[in-house]
Amino acid sequence: MPNPKRKLSRARRDSRRTHDKLTAPAVSSCSNCGAPKLQHRVCPECGYYRGVVAIEKKVTV
């Protein structure tokens, strides 16, 4: 089984791992109710998407 001849430095090892990180999801605010929501998705609070009702939400009092 072949093995490495020399030990990899920390800089070389870490530069290879720079692309292995997670990115935070892009969160925007709903134009109708102002609740935080993911972009290009229906608002989970009011059911609007781009100013149009996409899902009928029941009003809870």
PDB file of N, CA and C in Angstrom:
ATOM      1  N   MET A   1       0.845  -1.178   0.000  1.00  0.00           N
ATOM      2  CA  MET A   1       0.000   0.000   0.000  1.00  0.00           C
ATOM      3  C   MET A   1       0.893   1.245   0.000  1.00  0.00           C
ATOM      4  N   PRO A   2       0.742   2.138  -0.958  1.00  0.00           N
ATOM      5  CA  PRO A   2       1.604   3.331  -0.975  1.00  0.00           C
ATOM      6  C   PRO A   2       1.227   4.307   0.133  1.00  0.00           C
ATOM      7  N   ASN A   3       2.230   4.886   0.717  1.00  0.00           N
ATOM      8  CA  ASN A   3       2.054   5.865   1.779  1.00  0.00           C
ATOM      9  C   ASN A   3       2.712   7.183   1.370  1.00  0.00           C
ATOM     10  N   PRO A   4       2.272   8.296   1.965  1.00  0.00           N
ATOM     11  CA  PRO A   4       2.909   9.566   1.633  1.00  0.00           C
ATOM     12  C   PRO A   4       4.370   9.590   2.088  1.00  0.00           C
ATOM     13  N   LYS A   5       5.228  10.206   1.269  1.00  0.00           N
ATOM     14  CA  LYS A   5       6.648  10.298   1.618  1.00  0.00           C
ATOM     15  C   LYS A   5       6.901  11.318   2.701  1.00  0.00           C
ATOM     16  N   ARG A   6       6.133  12.441   2.652  1.00  0.00           N
ATOM     17  CA  ARG A   6       6.342  13.509   3.616  1.00  0.00           C
ATOM     18  C   ARG A   6       5.012  13.891   4.266  1.00  0.00           C
ATOM     19  N   LYS A   7       5.102  14.461   5.453  1.00  0.00           N
ATOM     20  CA  LYS A   7       3.911  14.931   6.157  1.00  0.00           C
ATOM     21  C   LYS A   7       3.388  16.187   5.479  1.00  0.00           C
ATOM     22  N   LEU A   8       2.059  16.222   5.270  1.00  0.00           N
ATOM     23  CA  LEU A   8       1.436  17.415   4.692  1.00  0.00           C
ATOM     24  C   LEU A   8       1.430  18.526   5.728  1.00  0.00           C
ATOM     25  N   SER A   9       1.789  19.730   5.313  1.00  0.00           N
ATOM     26  CA  SER A   9       1.754  20.857   6.246  1.00  0.00           C
ATOM     27  C   SER A   9       0.310  21.241   6.552  1.00  0.00           C
ATOM     28  N   ARG A  10       0.122  21.950   7.666  1.00  0.00           N
ATOM     29  CA  ARG A  10      -1.223  22.389   8.046  1.00  0.00           C
ATOM     30  C   ARG A  10      -1.815  23.327   7.014  1.00  0.00           C
ATOM     31  N   ALA A  11      -1.001  24.167   6.425  1.00  0.00           N
ATOM     32  CA  ALA A  11      -1.494  25.124   5.424  1.00  0.00           C
ATOM     33  C   ALA A  11      -1.996  24.401   4.181  1.00  0.00           C
ATOM     34  N   ARG A  12      -1.246  23.413   3.713  1.00  0.00           N
ATOM     35  CA  ARG A  12      -1.656  22.669   2.516  1.00  0.00           C
ATOM     36  C   ARG A  12      -2.905  21.840   2.788  1.00  0.00           C
ATOM     37  N   ARG A  13      -2.951  21.223   3.968  1.00  0.00           N
ATOM     38  CA  ARG A  13      -4.116  20.427   4.359  1.00  0.00           C
ATOM     39  C   ARG A  13      -5.361  21.309   4.470  1.00  0.00           C
ATOM     40  N   ASP A  14      -5.239  22.454   5.135  1.00  0.00           N
ATOM     41  CA  ASP A  14      -6.390  23.329   5.348  1.00  0.00           C
ATOM     42  C   ASP A  14      -6.823  24.030   4.070  1.00  0.00           C
ATOM     43  N   SER A  15      -5.898  24.316   3.166  1.00  0.00           N
ATOM     44  CA  SER A  15      -6.295  24.950   1.905  1.00  0.00           C
ATOM     45  C   SER A  15      -7.095  23.990   1.037  1.00  0.00           C
ATOM     46  N   ARG A  16      -6.870  22.708   1.187  1.00  0.00           N
ATOM     47  CA  ARG A  16      -7.671  21.724   0.468  1.00  0.00           C
ATOM     48  C   ARG A  16      -9.076  21.652   1.045  1.00  0.00           C
ATOM     49  N   ARG A  17      -9.219  21.921   2.328  1.00  0.00           N
ATOM     50  CA  ARG A  17     -10.507  21.807   3.001  1.00  0.00           C
ATOM     51  C   ARG A  17     -11.331  23.102   2.973  1.00  0.00           C
ATOM     52  N   THR A  18     -10.886  24.128   2.270  1.00  0.00           N
ATOM     53  CA  THR A  18     -11.604  25.405   2.292  1.00  0.00           C
ATOM     54  C   THR A  18     -12.992  25.295   1.686  1.00  0.00           C
ATOM     55  N   HIS A  19     -13.221  24.366   0.794  1.00  0.00           N
ATOM     56  CA  HIS A  19     -14.522  24.234   0.142  1.00  0.00           C
ATOM     57  C   HIS A  19     -15.465  23.311   0.901  1.00  0.00           C
ATOM     58  N   ASP A  20     -15.031  22.757   2.016  1.00  0.00           N
ATOM     59  CA  ASP A  20     -15.847  21.819   2.783  1.00  0.00           C
ATOM     60  C   ASP A  20     -16.649  22.500   3.882  1.00  0.00           C
ATOM     61  N   LYS A  21     -17.002  23.753   3.692  1.00  0.00           N
ATOM     62  CA  LYS A  21     -17.711  24.477   4.739  1.00  0.00           C
ATOM     63  C   LYS A  21     -19.179  24.641   4.372  1.00  0.00           C
ATOM     64  N   LEU A  22     -20.000  24.851   5.373  1.00  0.00           N
ATOM     65  CA  LEU A  22     -21.422  25.081   5.162  1.00  0.00           C
ATOM     66  C   LEU A  22     -21.681  26.573   5.026  1.00  0.00           C
ATOM     67  N   THR A  23     -22.677  26.908   4.213  1.00  0.00           N
ATOM     68  CA  THR A  23     -23.070  28.306   4.075  1.00  0.00           C
ATOM     69  C   THR A  23     -24.447  28.490   4.707  1.00  0.00           C
ATOM     70  N   ALA A  24     -24.662  29.650   5.277  1.00  0.00           N
ATOM     71  CA  ALA A  24     -25.949  29.947   5.908  1.00  0.00           C
ATOM     72  C   ALA A  24     -27.004  30.162   4.829  1.00  0.00           C
ATOM     73  N   PRO A  25     -28.240  29.707   5.052  1.00  0.00           N
ATOM     74  CA  PRO A  25     -29.283  29.913   4.050  1.00  0.00           C
ATOM     75  C   PRO A  25     -29.631  31.390   3.914  1.00  0.00           C
ATOM     76  N   ALA A  26     -29.944  31.810   2.688  1.00  0.00           N
ATOM     77  CA  ALA A  26     -30.307  33.198   2.426  1.00  0.00           C
ATOM     78  C   ALA A  26     -31.748  33.425   2.881  1.00  0.00           C
ATOM     79  N   VAL A  27     -31.906  34.228   3.908  1.00  0.00           N
ATOM     80  CA  VAL A  27     -33.224  34.502   4.476  1.00  0.00           C
ATOM     81  C   VAL A  27     -33.621  35.924   4.110  1.00  0.00           C
ATOM     82  N   SER A  28     -34.835  36.085   3.578  1.00  0.00           N
ATOM     83  CA  SER A  28     -35.365  37.405   3.272  1.00  0.00           C
ATOM     84  C   SER A  28     -36.654  37.600   4.049  1.00  0.00           C
ATOM     85  N   SER A  29     -37.203  38.796   3.977  1.00  0.00           N
ATOM     86  CA  SER A  29     -38.448  39.055   4.698  1.00  0.00           C
ATOM     87  C   SER A  29     -39.612  39.040   3.716  1.00  0.00           C
ATOM     88  N   CYS A  30     -40.760  38.605   4.186  1.00  0.00           N
ATOM     89  CA  CYS A  30     -41.966  38.537   3.373  1.00  0.00           C
ATOM     90  C   CYS A  30     -42.436  39.957   3.073  1.00  0.00           C
ATOM     91  N   SER A  31     -42.817  40.214   1.833  1.00  0.00           N
ATOM     92  CA  SER A  31     -43.276  41.546   1.460  1.00  0.00           C
ATOM     93  C   SER A  31     -44.677  41.833   1.989  1.00  0.00           C
ATOM     94  N   ASN A  32     -45.424  40.791   2.354  1.00  0.00           N
ATOM     95  CA  ASN A  32     -46.786  40.975   2.843  1.00  0.00           C
ATOM     96  C   ASN A  32     -46.828  41.150   4.364  1.00  0.00           C
ATOM     97  N   CYS A  33     -46.208  40.210   5.101  1.00  0.00           N
ATOM     98  CA  CYS A  33     -46.307  40.261   6.561  1.00  0.00           C
ATOM     99  C   CYS A  33     -44.989  40.593   7.252  1.00  0.00           C
ATOM    100  N   GLY A  34     -43.872  40.520   6.546  1.00  0.00           N
ATOM    101  CA  GLY A  34     -42.582  40.859   7.127  1.00  0.00           C
ATOM    102  C   GLY A  34     -41.907  39.730   7.874  1.00  0.00           C
ATOM    103  N   ALA A  35     -42.475  38.531   7.856  1.00  0.00           N
ATOM    104  CA  ALA A  35     -41.876  37.383   8.547  1.00  0.00           C
ATOM    105  C   ALA A  35     -40.655  36.890   7.762  1.00  0.00           C
ATOM    106  N   PRO A  36     -39.649  36.353   8.444  1.00  0.00           N
ATOM    107  CA  PRO A  36     -38.501  35.804   7.726  1.00  0.00           C
ATOM    108  C   PRO A  36     -38.892  34.539   6.965  1.00  0.00           C
ATOM    109  N   LYS A  37     -38.383  34.424   5.723  1.00  0.00           N
ATOM    110  CA  LYS A  37     -38.687  33.259   4.891  1.00  0.00           C
ATOM    111  C   LYS A  37     -37.523  32.999   3.960  1.00  0.00           C
ATOM    112  N   LEU A  38     -37.432  31.779   3.441  1.00  0.00           N
ATOM    113  CA  LEU A  38     -36.416  31.459   2.453  1.00  0.00           C
ATOM    114  C   LEU A  38     -36.797  32.088   1.121  1.00  0.00           C
ATOM    115  N   GLN A  39     -35.784  32.470   0.345  1.00  0.00           N
ATOM    116  CA  GLN A  39     -36.049  33.109  -0.932  1.00  0.00           C
ATOM    117  C   GLN A  39     -36.688  32.121  -1.909  1.00  0.00           C
ATOM    118  N   HIS A  40     -37.566  32.635  -2.766  1.00  0.00           N
ATOM    119  CA  HIS A  40     -38.263  31.861  -3.790  1.00  0.00           C
ATOM    120  C   HIS A  40     -39.141  30.768  -3.190  1.00  0.00           C
ATOM    121  N   ARG A  41     -39.669  31.002  -1.995  1.00  0.00           N
ATOM    122  CA  ARG A  41     -40.568  30.060  -1.340  1.00  0.00           C
ATOM    123  C   ARG A  41     -41.799  30.814  -0.862  1.00  0.00           C
ATOM    124  N   VAL A  42     -42.888  30.105  -0.673  1.00  0.00           N
ATOM    125  CA  VAL A  42     -44.113  30.685  -0.132  1.00  0.00           C
ATOM    126  C   VAL A  42     -43.868  31.005   1.342  1.00  0.00           C
ATOM    127  N   CYS A  43     -44.394  32.120   1.796  1.00  0.00           N
ATOM    128  CA  CYS A  43     -44.235  32.533   3.192  1.00  0.00           C
ATOM    129  C   CYS A  43     -44.972  31.537   4.083  1.00  0.00           C
ATOM    130  N   PRO A  44     -44.310  30.969   5.097  1.00  0.00           N
ATOM    131  CA  PRO A  44     -44.987  30.009   5.961  1.00  0.00           C
ATOM    132  C   PRO A  44     -46.000  30.655   6.899  1.00  0.00           C
ATOM    133  N   GLU A  45     -45.900  31.954   7.121  1.00  0.00           N
ATOM    134  CA  GLU A  45     -46.807  32.633   8.034  1.00  0.00           C
ATOM    135  C   GLU A  45     -48.126  33.025   7.371  1.00  0.00           C
ATOM    136  N   CYS A  46     -48.053  33.681   6.205  1.00  0.00           N
ATOM    137  CA  CYS A  46     -49.276  34.210   5.587  1.00  0.00           C
ATOM    138  C   CYS A  46     -49.675  33.482   4.303  1.00  0.00           C
ATOM    139  N   GLY A  47     -48.775  32.701   3.695  1.00  0.00           N
ATOM    140  CA  GLY A  47     -49.113  31.945   2.497  1.00  0.00           C
ATOM    141  C   GLY A  47     -48.996  32.732   1.203  1.00  0.00           C
ATOM    142  N   TYR A  48     -48.372  33.906   1.242  1.00  0.00           N
ATOM    143  CA  TYR A  48     -48.220  34.725   0.039  1.00  0.00           C
ATOM    144  C   TYR A  48     -46.897  34.423  -0.655  1.00  0.00           C
ATOM    145  N   TYR A  49     -46.899  34.553  -1.979  1.00  0.00           N
ATOM    146  CA  TYR A  49     -45.674  34.476  -2.773  1.00  0.00           C
ATOM    147  C   TYR A  49     -45.753  35.533  -3.852  1.00  0.00           C
ATOM    148  N   ARG A  50     -44.842  36.475  -3.827  1.00  0.00           N
ATOM    149  CA  ARG A  50     -44.764  37.592  -4.777  1.00  0.00           C
ATOM    150  C   ARG A  50     -46.067  38.380  -4.833  1.00  0.00           C
ATOM    151  N   GLY A  51     -46.680  38.612  -3.683  1.00  0.00           N
ATOM    152  CA  GLY A  51     -47.879  39.431  -3.590  1.00  0.00           C
ATOM    153  C   GLY A  51     -49.171  38.736  -3.945  1.00  0.00           C
ATOM    154  N   VAL A  52     -49.140  37.434  -4.182  1.00  0.00           N
ATOM    155  CA  VAL A  52     -50.333  36.673  -4.564  1.00  0.00           C
ATOM    156  C   VAL A  52     -50.530  35.556  -3.543  1.00  0.00           C
ATOM    157  N   VAL A  53     -51.786  35.283  -3.183  1.00  0.00           N
ATOM    158  CA  VAL A  53     -52.067  34.191  -2.252  1.00  0.00           C
ATOM    159  C   VAL A  53     -51.765  32.873  -2.951  1.00  0.00           C
ATOM    160  N   ALA A  54     -50.833  32.112  -2.396  1.00  0.00           N
ATOM    161  CA  ALA A  54     -50.464  30.828  -2.973  1.00  0.00           C
ATOM    162  C   ALA A  54     -51.090  29.685  -2.180  1.00  0.00           C
ATOM    163  N   ILE A  55     -51.203  29.865  -0.862  1.00  0.00           N
ATOM    164  CA  ILE A  55     -51.771  28.849   0.030  1.00  0.00           C
ATOM    165  C   ILE A  55     -52.763  29.554   0.951  1.00  0.00           C
ATOM    166  N   GLU A  56     -53.939  28.977   1.062  1.00  0.00           N
ATOM    167  CA  GLU A  56     -54.930  29.527   1.987  1.00  0.00           C
ATOM    168  C   GLU A  56     -54.526  29.134   3.399  1.00  0.00           C
ATOM    169  N   LYS A  57     -54.284  30.118   4.250  1.00  0.00           N
ATOM    170  CA  LYS A  57     -53.924  29.870   5.636  1.00  0.00           C
ATOM    171  C   LYS A  57     -55.121  30.148   6.515  1.00  0.00           C
ATOM    172  N   LYS A  58     -55.360  29.296   7.514  1.00  0.00           N
ATOM    173  CA  LYS A  58     -56.444  29.512   8.451  1.00  0.00           C
ATOM    174  C   LYS A  58     -56.034  30.583   9.442  1.00  0.00           C
ATOM    175  N   VAL A  59     -56.938  31.491   9.751  1.00  0.00           N
ATOM    176  CA  VAL A  59     -56.660  32.560  10.704  1.00  0.00           C
ATOM    177  C   VAL A  59     -56.950  32.031  12.096  1.00  0.00           C
ATOM    178  N   THR A  60     -55.942  32.092  12.970  1.00  0.00           N
ATOM    179  CA  THR A  60     -56.117  31.643  14.359  1.00  0.00           C
ATOM    180  C   THR A  60     -56.172  32.866  15.256  1.00  0.00           C
ATOM    181  N   VAL A  61     -57.157  32.875  16.133  1.00  0.00           N
ATOM    182  CA  VAL A  61     -57.342  34.016  17.031  1.00  0.00           C
ATOM    183  C   VAL A  61     -57.005  33.646  18.431  1.00  0.00           C
TER     184      VAL A  61
END
